[in-house]
PDB file of N, CA and C in Angstrom:
ATOM      1  N   MET A   1     110.523  84.638 116.530  1.00  0.00           N
ATOM      2  CA  MET A   1     109.907  85.375 115.430  1.00  0.00           C
ATOM      3  C   MET A   1     110.862  85.353 114.247  1.00  0.00           C
ATOM      4  N   ALA A   2     110.359  85.529 113.078  1.00  0.00           N
ATOM      5  CA  ALA A   2     111.144  85.452 111.838  1.00  0.00           C
ATOM      6  C   ALA A   2     112.119  86.612 111.730  1.00  0.00           C
ATOM      7  N   LYS A   3     113.146  86.404 110.914  1.00  0.00           N
ATOM      8  CA  LYS A   3     114.167  87.433 110.702  1.00  0.00           C
ATOM      9  C   LYS A   3     114.050  88.041 109.317  1.00  0.00           C
ATOM     10  N   GLY A   4     114.635  89.236 109.139  1.00  0.00           N
ATOM     11  CA  GLY A   4     114.762  89.865 107.822  1.00  0.00           C
ATOM     12  C   GLY A   4     113.449  90.079 107.111  1.00  0.00           C
ATOM     13  N   SER A   5     113.417  89.649 105.849  1.00  0.00           N
ATOM     14  CA  SER A   5     112.228  89.884 105.037  1.00  0.00           C
ATOM     15  C   SER A   5     111.037  89.069 105.540  1.00  0.00           C
ATOM     16  N   ASP A   6     111.302  87.914 106.186  1.00  0.00           N
ATOM     17  CA  ASP A   6     110.203  87.142 106.774  1.00  0.00           C
ATOM     18  C   ASP A   6     109.529  87.954 107.874  1.00  0.00           C
ATOM     19  N   SER A   7     110.329  88.654 108.665  1.00  0.00           N
ATOM     20  CA  SER A   7     109.798  89.498 109.728  1.00  0.00           C
ATOM     21  C   SER A   7     108.941  90.617 109.137  1.00  0.00           C
ATOM     22  N   SER A   8     109.397  91.171 108.043  1.00  0.00           N
ATOM     23  CA  SER A   8     108.638  92.230 107.369  1.00  0.00           C
ATOM     24  C   SER A   8     107.311  91.696 106.834  1.00  0.00           C
ATOM     25  N   LYS A   9     107.331  90.469 106.303  1.00  0.00           N
ATOM     26  CA  LYS A   9     106.100  89.854 105.782  1.00  0.00           C
ATOM     27  C   LYS A   9     105.123  89.563 106.915  1.00  0.00           C
ATOM     28  N   VAL A  10     105.637  89.084 108.042  1.00  0.00           N
ATOM     29  CA  VAL A  10     104.787  88.821 109.202  1.00  0.00           C
ATOM     30  C   VAL A  10     104.145  90.117 109.666  1.00  0.00           C
ATOM     31  N   TRP A  11     104.938  91.176 109.770  1.00  0.00           N
ATOM     32  CA  TRP A  11     104.407  92.461 110.194  1.00  0.00           C
ATOM     33  C   TRP A  11     103.351  92.973 109.213  1.00  0.00           C
ATOM     34  N   SER A  12     103.625  92.870 107.927  1.00  0.00           N
ATOM     35  CA  SER A  12     102.674  93.343 106.917  1.00  0.00           C
ATOM     36  C   SER A  12     101.341  92.623 107.032  1.00  0.00           C
ATOM     37  N   ALA A  13     101.389  91.309 107.165  1.00  0.00           N
ATOM     38  CA  ALA A  13     100.149  90.535 107.283  1.00  0.00           C
ATOM     39  C   ALA A  13      99.432  90.852 108.589  1.00  0.00           C
ATOM     40  N   PHE A  14     100.174  90.912 109.672  1.00  0.00           N
ATOM     41  CA  PHE A  14      99.593  91.181 110.986  1.00  0.00           C
ATOM     42  C   PHE A  14      98.940  92.554 111.027  1.00  0.00           C
ATOM     43  N   SER A  15      99.635  93.558 110.536  1.00  0.00           N
ATOM     44  CA  SER A  15      99.081  94.913 110.576  1.00  0.00           C
ATOM     45  C   SER A  15      97.893  95.052 109.633  1.00  0.00           C
ATOM     46  N   LEU A  16      97.938  94.381 108.486  1.00  0.00           N
ATOM     47  CA  LEU A  16      96.817  94.439 107.542  1.00  0.00           C
ATOM     48  C   LEU A  16      95.554  93.861 108.169  1.00  0.00           C
ATOM     49  N   VAL A  17      95.672  92.709 108.810  1.00  0.00           N
ATOM     50  CA  VAL A  17      94.514  92.091 109.450  1.00  0.00           C
ATOM     51  C   VAL A  17      93.975  92.996 110.556  1.00  0.00           C
ATOM     52  N   ALA A  18      94.862  93.569 111.365  1.00  0.00           N
ATOM     53  CA  ALA A  18      94.426  94.446 112.456  1.00  0.00           C
ATOM     54  C   ALA A  18      93.709  95.676 111.928  1.00  0.00           C
ATOM     55  N   VAL A  19      94.262  96.299 110.904  1.00  0.00           N
ATOM     56  CA  VAL A  19      93.687  97.526 110.348  1.00  0.00           C
ATOM     57  C   VAL A  19      92.349  97.249 109.668  1.00  0.00           C
ATOM     58  N   LEU A  20      92.276  96.181 108.889  1.00  0.00           N
ATOM     59  CA  LEU A  20      91.013  95.848 108.220  1.00  0.00           C
ATOM     60  C   LEU A  20      89.938  95.480 109.233  1.00  0.00           C
ATOM     61  N   GLY A  21      90.311  94.750 110.255  1.00  0.00           N
ATOM     62  CA  GLY A  21      89.351  94.404 111.305  1.00  0.00           C
ATOM     63  C   GLY A  21      88.831  95.638 112.027  1.00  0.00           C
ATOM     64  N   ALA A  22      89.731  96.541 112.354  1.00  0.00           N
ATOM     65  CA  ALA A  22      89.319  97.769 113.039  1.00  0.00           C
ATOM     66  C   ALA A  22      88.414  98.616 112.156  1.00  0.00           C
ATOM     67  N   ALA A  23      88.725  98.699 110.881  1.00  0.00           N
ATOM     68  CA  ALA A  23      87.890  99.480 109.962  1.00  0.00           C
ATOM     69  C   ALA A  23      86.497  98.868 109.847  1.00  0.00           C
ATOM     70  N   ALA A  24      86.417  97.542 109.797  1.00  0.00           N
ATOM     71  CA  ALA A  24      85.113  96.878 109.700  1.00  0.00           C
ATOM     72  C   ALA A  24      84.279  97.109 110.956  1.00  0.00           C
ATOM     73  N   VAL A  25      84.903  96.998 112.123  1.00  0.00           N
ATOM     74  CA  VAL A  25      84.191  97.230 113.376  1.00  0.00           C
ATOM     75  C   VAL A  25      83.746  98.693 113.463  1.00  0.00           C
ATOM     76  N   ALA A  26      84.621  99.622 113.096  1.00  0.00           N
ATOM     77  CA  ALA A  26      84.273 101.044 113.136  1.00  0.00           C
ATOM     78  C   ALA A  26      83.125 101.351 112.183  1.00  0.00           C
ATOM     79  N   LYS A  27      83.158 100.762 110.993  1.00  0.00           N
ATOM     80  CA  LYS A  27      82.096 100.994 110.004  1.00  0.00           C
ATOM     81  C   LYS A  27      80.755 100.502 110.529  1.00  0.00           C
ATOM     82  N   LYS A  28      80.744  99.320 111.135  1.00  0.00           N
ATOM     83  CA  LYS A  28      79.507  98.764 111.689  1.00  0.00           C
ATOM     84  C   LYS A  28      78.975  99.674 112.805  1.00  0.00           C
ATOM     85  N   ALA A  29      79.846 100.098 113.708  1.00  0.00           N
ATOM     86  CA  ALA A  29      79.437 100.982 114.797  1.00  0.00           C
ATOM     87  C   ALA A  29      78.959 102.328 114.261  1.00  0.00           C
ATOM     88  N   LEU A  30      79.641 102.827 113.252  1.00  0.00           N
ATOM     89  CA  LEU A  30      79.275 104.106 112.649  1.00  0.00           C
ATOM     90  C   LEU A  30      77.908 104.024 111.978  1.00  0.00           C
ATOM     91  N   ASN A  31      77.662 102.955 111.237  1.00  0.00           N
ATOM     92  CA  ASN A  31      76.359 102.783 110.587  1.00  0.00           C
ATOM     93  C   ASN A  31      75.233 102.733 111.616  1.00  0.00           C
ATOM     94  N   THR A  32      75.447 101.981 112.697  1.00  0.00           N
ATOM     95  CA  THR A  32      74.440 101.867 113.757  1.00  0.00           C
ATOM     96  C   THR A  32      74.210 103.215 114.428  1.00  0.00           C
ATOM     97  N   SER A  33      75.285 103.928 114.731  1.00  0.00           N
ATOM     98  CA  SER A  33      75.175 105.235 115.378  1.00  0.00           C
ATOM     99  C   SER A  33      74.480 106.247 114.474  1.00  0.00           C
ATOM    100  N   TRP A  34      74.817 106.231 113.182  1.00  0.00           N
ATOM    101  CA  TRP A  34      74.205 107.158 112.223  1.00  0.00           C
ATOM    102  C   TRP A  34      72.701 106.940 112.175  1.00  0.00           C
ATOM    103  N   LYS A  35      72.301 105.665 112.115  1.00  0.00           N
ATOM    104  CA  LYS A  35      70.872 105.354 112.038  1.00  0.00           C
ATOM    105  C   LYS A  35      70.157 105.782 113.319  1.00  0.00           C
ATOM    106  N   ALA A  36      70.795 105.579 114.468  1.00  0.00           N
ATOM    107  CA  ALA A  36      70.207 105.981 115.741  1.00  0.00           C
ATOM    108  C   ALA A  36      70.087 107.506 115.842  1.00  0.00           C
ATOM    109  N   ALA A  37      71.086 108.215 115.347  1.00  0.00           N
ATOM    110  CA  ALA A  37      71.100 109.680 115.456  1.00  0.00           C
ATOM    111  C   ALA A  37      70.187 110.366 114.448  1.00  0.00           C
ATOM    112  N   THR A  38      70.121 109.819 113.235  1.00  0.00           N
ATOM    113  CA  THR A  38      69.363 110.503 112.179  1.00  0.00           C
ATOM    114  C   THR A  38      68.042 109.825 111.836  1.00  0.00           C
ATOM    115  N   GLY A  39      67.901 108.566 112.217  1.00  0.00           N
ATOM    116  CA  GLY A  39      66.705 107.817 111.850  1.00  0.00           C
ATOM    117  C   GLY A  39      66.745 107.297 110.419  1.00  0.00           C
ATOM    118  N   LYS A  40      67.852 107.547 109.721  1.00  0.00           N
ATOM    119  CA  LYS A  40      68.007 107.103 108.333  1.00  0.00           C
ATOM    120  C   LYS A  40      69.255 106.241 108.214  1.00  0.00           C
ATOM    121  N   THR A  41      69.267 105.416 107.176  1.00  0.00           N
ATOM    122  CA  THR A  41      70.488 104.651 106.909  1.00  0.00           C
ATOM    123  C   THR A  41      71.530 105.607 106.334  1.00  0.00           C
ATOM    124  N   PRO A  42      72.793 105.340 106.580  1.00  0.00           N
ATOM    125  CA  PRO A  42      73.826 106.215 106.035  1.00  0.00           C
ATOM    126  C   PRO A  42      73.827 106.159 104.511  1.00  0.00           C
ATOM    127  N   PRO A  43      74.254 107.227 103.868  1.00  0.00           N
ATOM    128  CA  PRO A  43      74.286 107.226 102.408  1.00  0.00           C
ATOM    129  C   PRO A  43      75.254 106.166 101.883  1.00  0.00           C
ATOM    130  N   ALA A  44      74.781 105.343 100.960  1.00  0.00           N
ATOM    131  CA  ALA A  44      75.627 104.314 100.361  1.00  0.00           C
ATOM    132  C   ALA A  44      76.690 104.952  99.473  1.00  0.00           C
ATOM    133  N   ASN A  45      76.319 106.037  98.814  1.00  0.00           N
ATOM    134  CA  ASN A  45      77.247 106.738  97.937  1.00  0.00           C
ATOM    135  C   ASN A  45      77.030 108.242  98.101  1.00  0.00           C
ATOM    136  N   PRO A  46      77.826 108.885  98.945  1.00  0.00           N
ATOM    137  CA  PRO A  46      77.639 110.318  99.178  1.00  0.00           C
ATOM    138  C   PRO A  46      77.799 111.173  97.920  1.00  0.00           C
ATOM    139  N   ALA A  47      78.427 110.646  96.877  1.00  0.00           N
ATOM    140  CA  ALA A  47      78.594 111.405  95.632  1.00  0.00           C
ATOM    141  C   ALA A  47      77.318 111.426  94.796  1.00  0.00           C
ATOM    142  N   ASP A  48      76.339 110.595  95.162  1.00  0.00           N
ATOM    143  CA  ASP A  48      75.063 110.547  94.432  1.00  0.00           C
ATOM    144  C   ASP A  48      74.357 111.895  94.567  1.00  0.00           C
ATOM    145  N   PRO A  49      73.975 112.521  93.452  1.00  0.00           N
ATOM    146  CA  PRO A  49      73.301 113.825  93.519  1.00  0.00           C
ATOM    147  C   PRO A  49      71.959 113.784  94.260  1.00  0.00           C
ATOM    148  N   ASP A  50      71.374 112.597  94.428  1.00  0.00           N
ATOM    149  CA  ASP A  50      70.118 112.490  95.165  1.00  0.00           C
ATOM    150  C   ASP A  50      70.309 112.583  96.674  1.00  0.00           C
ATOM    151  N   VAL A  51      71.552 112.441  97.145  1.00  0.00           N
ATOM    152  CA  VAL A  51      71.847 112.571  98.573  1.00  0.00           C
ATOM    153  C   VAL A  51      72.020 114.054  98.884  1.00  0.00           C
ATOM    154  N   ASP A  52      71.320 114.509  99.936  1.00  0.00           N
ATOM    155  CA  ASP A  52      71.430 115.907 100.352  1.00  0.00           C
ATOM    156  C   ASP A  52      72.900 116.257 100.626  1.00  0.00           C
ATOM    157  N   MET A  53      73.330 117.426 100.170  1.00  0.00           N
ATOM    158  CA  MET A  53      74.735 117.836 100.297  1.00  0.00           C
ATOM    159  C   MET A  53      75.184 117.863 101.757  1.00  0.00           C
ATOM    160  N   LYS A  54      74.364 118.393 102.651  1.00  0.00           N
ATOM    161  CA  LYS A  54      74.742 118.448 104.068  1.00  0.00           C
ATOM    162  C   LYS A  54      74.941 117.040 104.629  1.00  0.00           C
ATOM    163  N   GLU A  55      74.045 116.141 104.255  1.00  0.00           N
ATOM    164  CA  GLU A  55      74.151 114.763 104.726  1.00  0.00           C
ATOM    165  C   GLU A  55      75.401 114.092 104.150  1.00  0.00           C
ATOM    166  N   ALA A  56      75.680 114.322 102.893  1.00  0.00           N
ATOM    167  CA  ALA A  56      76.853 113.728 102.246  1.00  0.00           C
ATOM    168  C   ALA A  56      78.149 114.227 102.901  1.00  0.00           C
ATOM    169  N   VAL A  57      78.214 115.526 103.160  1.00  0.00           N
ATOM    170  CA  VAL A  57      79.415 116.097 103.789  1.00  0.00           C
ATOM    171  C   VAL A  57      79.558 115.576 105.219  1.00  0.00           C
ATOM    172  N   ALA A  58      78.471 115.555 105.959  1.00  0.00           N
ATOM    173  CA  ALA A  58      78.526 115.066 107.341  1.00  0.00           C
ATOM    174  C   ALA A  58      78.984 113.613 107.378  1.00  0.00           C
ATOM    175  N   TRP A  59      78.435 112.791 106.487  1.00  0.00           N
ATOM    176  CA  TRP A  59      78.828 111.379 106.446  1.00  0.00           C
ATOM    177  C   TRP A  59      80.297 111.242 106.081  1.00  0.00           C
ATOM    178  N   ALA A  60      80.753 111.988 105.105  1.00  0.00           N
ATOM    179  CA  ALA A  60      82.149 111.896 104.674  1.00  0.00           C
ATOM    180  C   ALA A  60      83.097 112.294 105.807  1.00  0.00           C
ATOM    181  N   VAL A  61      82.775 113.369 106.497  1.00  0.00           N
ATOM    182  CA  VAL A  61      83.641 113.848 107.578  1.00  0.00           C
ATOM    183  C   VAL A  61      83.651 112.857 108.745  1.00  0.00           C
ATOM    184  N   VAL A  62      82.483 112.478 109.190  1.00  0.00           N
ATOM    185  CA  VAL A  62      82.388 111.593 110.354  1.00  0.00           C
ATOM    186  C   VAL A  62      82.970 110.214 110.050  1.00  0.00           C
ATOM    187  N   SER A  63      82.578 109.631 108.925  1.00  0.00           N
ATOM    188  CA  SER A  63      83.064 108.281 108.623  1.00  0.00           C
ATOM    189  C   SER A  63      84.564 108.282 108.346  1.00  0.00           C
ATOM    190  N   GLY A  64      85.038 109.271 107.626  1.00  0.00           N
ATOM    191  CA  GLY A  64      86.474 109.336 107.346  1.00  0.00           C
ATOM    192  C   GLY A  64      87.304 109.471 108.606  1.00  0.00           C
ATOM    193  N   ALA A  65      86.859 110.352 109.502  1.00  0.00           N
ATOM    194  CA  ALA A  65      87.601 110.567 110.742  1.00  0.00           C
ATOM    195  C   ALA A  65      87.568 109.333 111.638  1.00  0.00           C
ATOM    196  N   LEU A  66      86.400 108.758 111.837  1.00  0.00           N
ATOM    197  CA  LEU A  66      86.304 107.620 112.750  1.00  0.00           C
ATOM    198  C   LEU A  66      86.982 106.371 112.208  1.00  0.00           C
ATOM    199  N   ILE A  67      86.833 106.100 110.951  1.00  0.00           N
ATOM    200  CA  ILE A  67      87.496 104.924 110.384  1.00  0.00           C
ATOM    201  C   ILE A  67      89.008 105.134 110.361  1.00  0.00           C
ATOM    202  N   GLY A  68      89.437 106.343 110.042  1.00  0.00           N
ATOM    203  CA  GLY A  68      90.870 106.651 110.076  1.00  0.00           C
ATOM    204  C   GLY A  68      91.457 106.498 111.474  1.00  0.00           C
ATOM    205  N   LEU A  69      90.740 106.970 112.485  1.00  0.00           N
ATOM    206  CA  LEU A  69      91.211 106.830 113.868  1.00  0.00           C
ATOM    207  C   LEU A  69      91.250 105.370 114.293  1.00  0.00           C
ATOM    208  N   ALA A  70      90.238 104.602 113.921  1.00  0.00           N
ATOM    209  CA  ALA A  70      90.221 103.178 114.273  1.00  0.00           C
ATOM    210  C   ALA A  70      91.388 102.447 113.624  1.00  0.00           C
ATOM    211  N   ARG A  71      91.666 102.753 112.367  1.00  0.00           N
ATOM    212  CA  ARG A  71      92.783 102.109 111.673  1.00  0.00           C
ATOM    213  C   ARG A  71      94.119 102.488 112.313  1.00  0.00           C
ATOM    214  N   MET A  72      94.280 103.762 112.660  1.00  0.00           N
ATOM    215  CA  MET A  72      95.519 104.207 113.296  1.00  0.00           C
ATOM    216  C   MET A  72      95.703 103.537 114.658  1.00  0.00           C
ATOM    217  N   TYR A  73      94.625 103.471 115.431  1.00  0.00           N
ATOM    218  CA  TYR A  73      94.693 102.835 116.742  1.00  0.00           C
ATOM    219  C   TYR A  73      95.077 101.358 116.602  1.00  0.00           C
ATOM    220  N   ALA A  74      94.453 100.669 115.658  1.00  0.00           N
ATOM    221  CA  ALA A  74      94.762  99.251 115.447  1.00  0.00           C
ATOM    222  C   ALA A  74      96.211  99.064 115.008  1.00  0.00           C
ATOM    223  N   ALA A  75      96.698  99.921 114.144  1.00  0.00           N
ATOM    224  CA  ALA A  75      98.088  99.820 113.683  1.00  0.00           C
ATOM    225  C   ALA A  75      99.057 100.059 114.840  1.00  0.00           C
ATOM    226  N   ARG A  76      98.745 101.009 115.699  1.00  0.00           N
ATOM    227  CA  ARG A  76      99.606 101.284 116.851  1.00  0.00           C
ATOM    228  C   ARG A  76      99.603 100.106 117.826  1.00  0.00           C
ATOM    229  N   ARG A  77      98.430  99.529 118.054  1.00  0.00           N
ATOM    230  CA  ARG A  77      98.336  98.370 118.942  1.00  0.00           C
ATOM    231  C   ARG A  77      99.106  97.182 118.352  1.00  0.00           C
ATOM    232  N   ALA A  78      98.963  96.986 117.058  1.00  0.00           N
ATOM    233  CA  ALA A  78      99.674  95.893 116.388  1.00  0.00           C
ATOM    234  C   ALA A  78     101.182  96.106 116.487  1.00  0.00           C
ATOM    235  N   ALA A  79     101.633  97.333 116.310  1.00  0.00           N
ATOM    236  CA  ALA A  79     103.066  97.632 116.418  1.00  0.00           C
ATOM    237  C   ALA A  79     103.566  97.395 117.835  1.00  0.00           C
ATOM    238  N   GLY A  80     102.753  97.752 118.818  1.00  0.00           N
ATOM    239  CA  GLY A  80     103.132  97.505 120.207  1.00  0.00           C
ATOM    240  C   GLY A  80     103.245  96.023 120.508  1.00  0.00           C
ATOM    241  N   TYR A  81     102.287  95.255 120.014  1.00  0.00           N
ATOM    242  CA  TYR A  81     102.326  93.800 120.202  1.00  0.00           C
ATOM    243  C   TYR A  81     103.548  93.206 119.502  1.00  0.00           C
ATOM    244  N   TYR A  82     103.808  93.671 118.276  1.00  0.00           N
ATOM    245  CA  TYR A  82     104.965  93.189 117.519  1.00  0.00           C
ATOM    246  C   TYR A  82     106.249  93.506 118.285  1.00  0.00           C
ATOM    247  N   ALA A  83     106.359  94.721 118.797  1.00  0.00           N
ATOM    248  CA  ALA A  83     107.567  95.124 119.521  1.00  0.00           C
ATOM    249  C   ALA A  83     107.760  94.283 120.789  1.00  0.00           C
ATOM    250  N   LYS A  84     106.669  94.005 121.502  1.00  0.00           N
ATOM    251  CA  LYS A  84     106.782  93.163 122.704  1.00  0.00           C
ATOM    252  C   LYS A  84     107.191  91.742 122.336  1.00  0.00           C
ATOM    253  N   SER A  85     106.699  91.249 121.205  1.00  0.00           N
ATOM    254  CA  SER A  85     106.991  89.878 120.784  1.00  0.00           C
ATOM    255  C   SER A  85     108.406  89.704 120.251  1.00  0.00           C
ATOM    256  N   THR A  86     108.931  90.733 119.582  1.00  0.00           N
ATOM    257  CA  THR A  86     110.229  90.601 118.920  1.00  0.00           C
ATOM    258  C   THR A  86     111.343  91.383 119.597  1.00  0.00           C
ATOM    259  N   GLY A  87     110.981  92.352 120.418  1.00  0.00           N
ATOM    260  CA  GLY A  87     111.993  93.186 121.059  1.00  0.00           C
ATOM    261  C   GLY A  87     112.389  94.397 120.230  1.00  0.00           C
ATOM    262  N   HIS A  88     111.736  94.599 119.091  1.00  0.00           N
ATOM    263  CA  HIS A  88     112.029  95.763 118.258  1.00  0.00           C
ATOM    264  C   HIS A  88     110.781  96.155 117.470  1.00  0.00           C
ATOM    265  N   LEU A  89     110.786  97.365 116.980  1.00  0.00           N
ATOM    266  CA  LEU A  89     109.670  97.832 116.164  1.00  0.00           C
ATOM    267  C   LEU A  89     109.661  97.132 114.813  1.00  0.00           C
ATOM    268  N   PRO A  90     108.512  97.105 114.152  1.00  0.00           N
ATOM    269  CA  PRO A  90     108.461  96.552 112.799  1.00  0.00           C
ATOM    270  C   PRO A  90     109.412  97.312 111.873  1.00  0.00           C
ATOM    271  N   PRO A  91     109.920  96.642 110.843  1.00  0.00           N
ATOM    272  CA  PRO A  91     110.884  97.283 109.941  1.00  0.00           C
ATOM    273  C   PRO A  91     110.388  98.609 109.354  1.00  0.00           C
ATOM    274  N   GLU A  92     109.118  98.673 108.987  1.00  0.00           N
ATOM    275  CA  GLU A  92     108.584  99.890 108.365  1.00  0.00           C
ATOM    276  C   GLU A  92     108.517 101.067 109.340  1.00  0.00           C
ATOM    277  N   LEU A  93     108.458 100.800 110.634  1.00  0.00           N
ATOM    278  CA  LEU A  93     108.346 101.871 111.611  1.00  0.00           C
ATOM    279  C   LEU A  93     109.686 102.350 112.131  1.00  0.00           C
ATOM    280  N   LYS A  94     110.733 101.601 111.915  1.00  0.00           N
ATOM    281  CA  LYS A  94     112.047 102.013 112.394  1.00  0.00           C
ATOM    282  C   LYS A  94     112.516 103.297 111.713  1.00  0.00           C
ATOM    283  N   ALA A  95     112.064 103.554 110.516  1.00  0.00           N
ATOM    284  CA  ALA A  95     112.485 104.732 109.772  1.00  0.00           C
ATOM    285  C   ALA A  95     111.884 106.017 110.332  1.00  0.00           C
ATOM    286  N   ASP A  96     110.984 105.898 111.296  1.00  0.00           N
ATOM    287  CA  ASP A  96     110.304 107.071 111.843  1.00  0.00           C
ATOM    288  C   ASP A  96     111.126 107.711 112.963  1.00  0.00           C
ATOM    289  N   ARG A  97     112.417 107.906 112.702  1.00  0.00           N
ATOM    290  CA  ARG A  97     113.354 108.547 113.627  1.00  0.00           C
ATOM    291  C   ARG A  97     113.341 107.911 115.009  1.00  0.00           C
ATOM    292  N   GLN A  98     113.198 106.591 115.049  1.00  0.00           N
ATOM    293  CA  GLN A  98     113.219 105.869 116.321  1.00  0.00           C
ATOM    294  C   GLN A  98     114.634 105.527 116.755  1.00  0.00           C
ATOM    295  N   ASP A  99     115.574 105.594 115.813  1.00  0.00           N
ATOM    296  CA  ASP A  99     116.964 105.252 116.089  1.00  0.00           C
ATOM    297  C   ASP A  99     117.682 106.528 116.525  1.00  0.00           C
ATOM    298  N   PRO A 100     118.124 106.597 117.788  1.00  0.00           N
ATOM    299  CA  PRO A 100     118.778 107.829 118.259  1.00  0.00           C
ATOM    300  C   PRO A 100     120.120 108.098 117.563  1.00  0.00           C
ATOM    301  N   ASP A 101     120.726 107.058 116.959  1.00  0.00           N
ATOM    302  CA  ASP A 101     122.010 107.232 116.285  1.00  0.00           C
ATOM    303  C   ASP A 101     121.846 107.676 114.834  1.00  0.00           C
ATOM    304  N   ALA A 102     120.620 107.638 114.327  1.00  0.00           N
ATOM    305  CA  ALA A 102     120.387 108.002 112.917  1.00  0.00           C
ATOM    306  C   ALA A 102     120.509 109.511 112.739  1.00  0.00           C
ATOM    307  N   GLU A 103     120.997 109.895 111.572  1.00  0.00           N
ATOM    308  CA  GLU A 103     121.111 111.317 111.273  1.00  0.00           C
ATOM    309  C   GLU A 103     119.737 111.908 111.042  1.00  0.00           C
ATOM    310  N   THR A 104     119.579 113.147 111.450  1.00  0.00           N
ATOM    311  CA  THR A 104     118.321 113.862 111.213  1.00  0.00           C
ATOM    312  C   THR A 104     118.323 114.326 109.758  1.00  0.00           C
ATOM    313  N   PRO A 105     117.263 113.995 108.998  1.00  0.00           N
ATOM    314  CA  PRO A 105     117.244 114.435 107.601  1.00  0.00           C
ATOM    315  C   PRO A 105     117.167 115.946 107.495  1.00  0.00           C
ATOM    316  N   THR A 106     117.853 116.489 106.511  1.00  0.00           N
ATOM    317  CA  THR A 106     117.807 117.936 106.277  1.00  0.00           C
ATOM    318  C   THR A 106     116.799 118.241 105.191  1.00  0.00           C
ATOM    319  N   THR A 107     116.158 119.383 105.331  1.00  0.00           N
ATOM    320  CA  THR A 107     115.155 119.785 104.319  1.00  0.00           C
ATOM    321  C   THR A 107     115.555 121.067 103.653  1.00  0.00           C
TER     322      THR A 107
END
């Protein structure tokens, strides 16, 4: 695997593809589930005043939570794969207090 900034670029590209793919799959599943549950297509733009407020809020909450969870899951899986492939976490994740020798930041 690449070293230094090349490793960071590989991780950035890999995680971006994983996260975007997961978001697309989650969105498709969410749209299908919404239509099955409500009998209507999901609101294209919940900010549109013609969309019922309850429906707009429900769509925003459900879609935001599920797409966010799918993206987080994909990023975690990608980081796990990266760590298995390289023997270390991606550069951006090392700062998350993974180094036992690092000082604990004071607030």
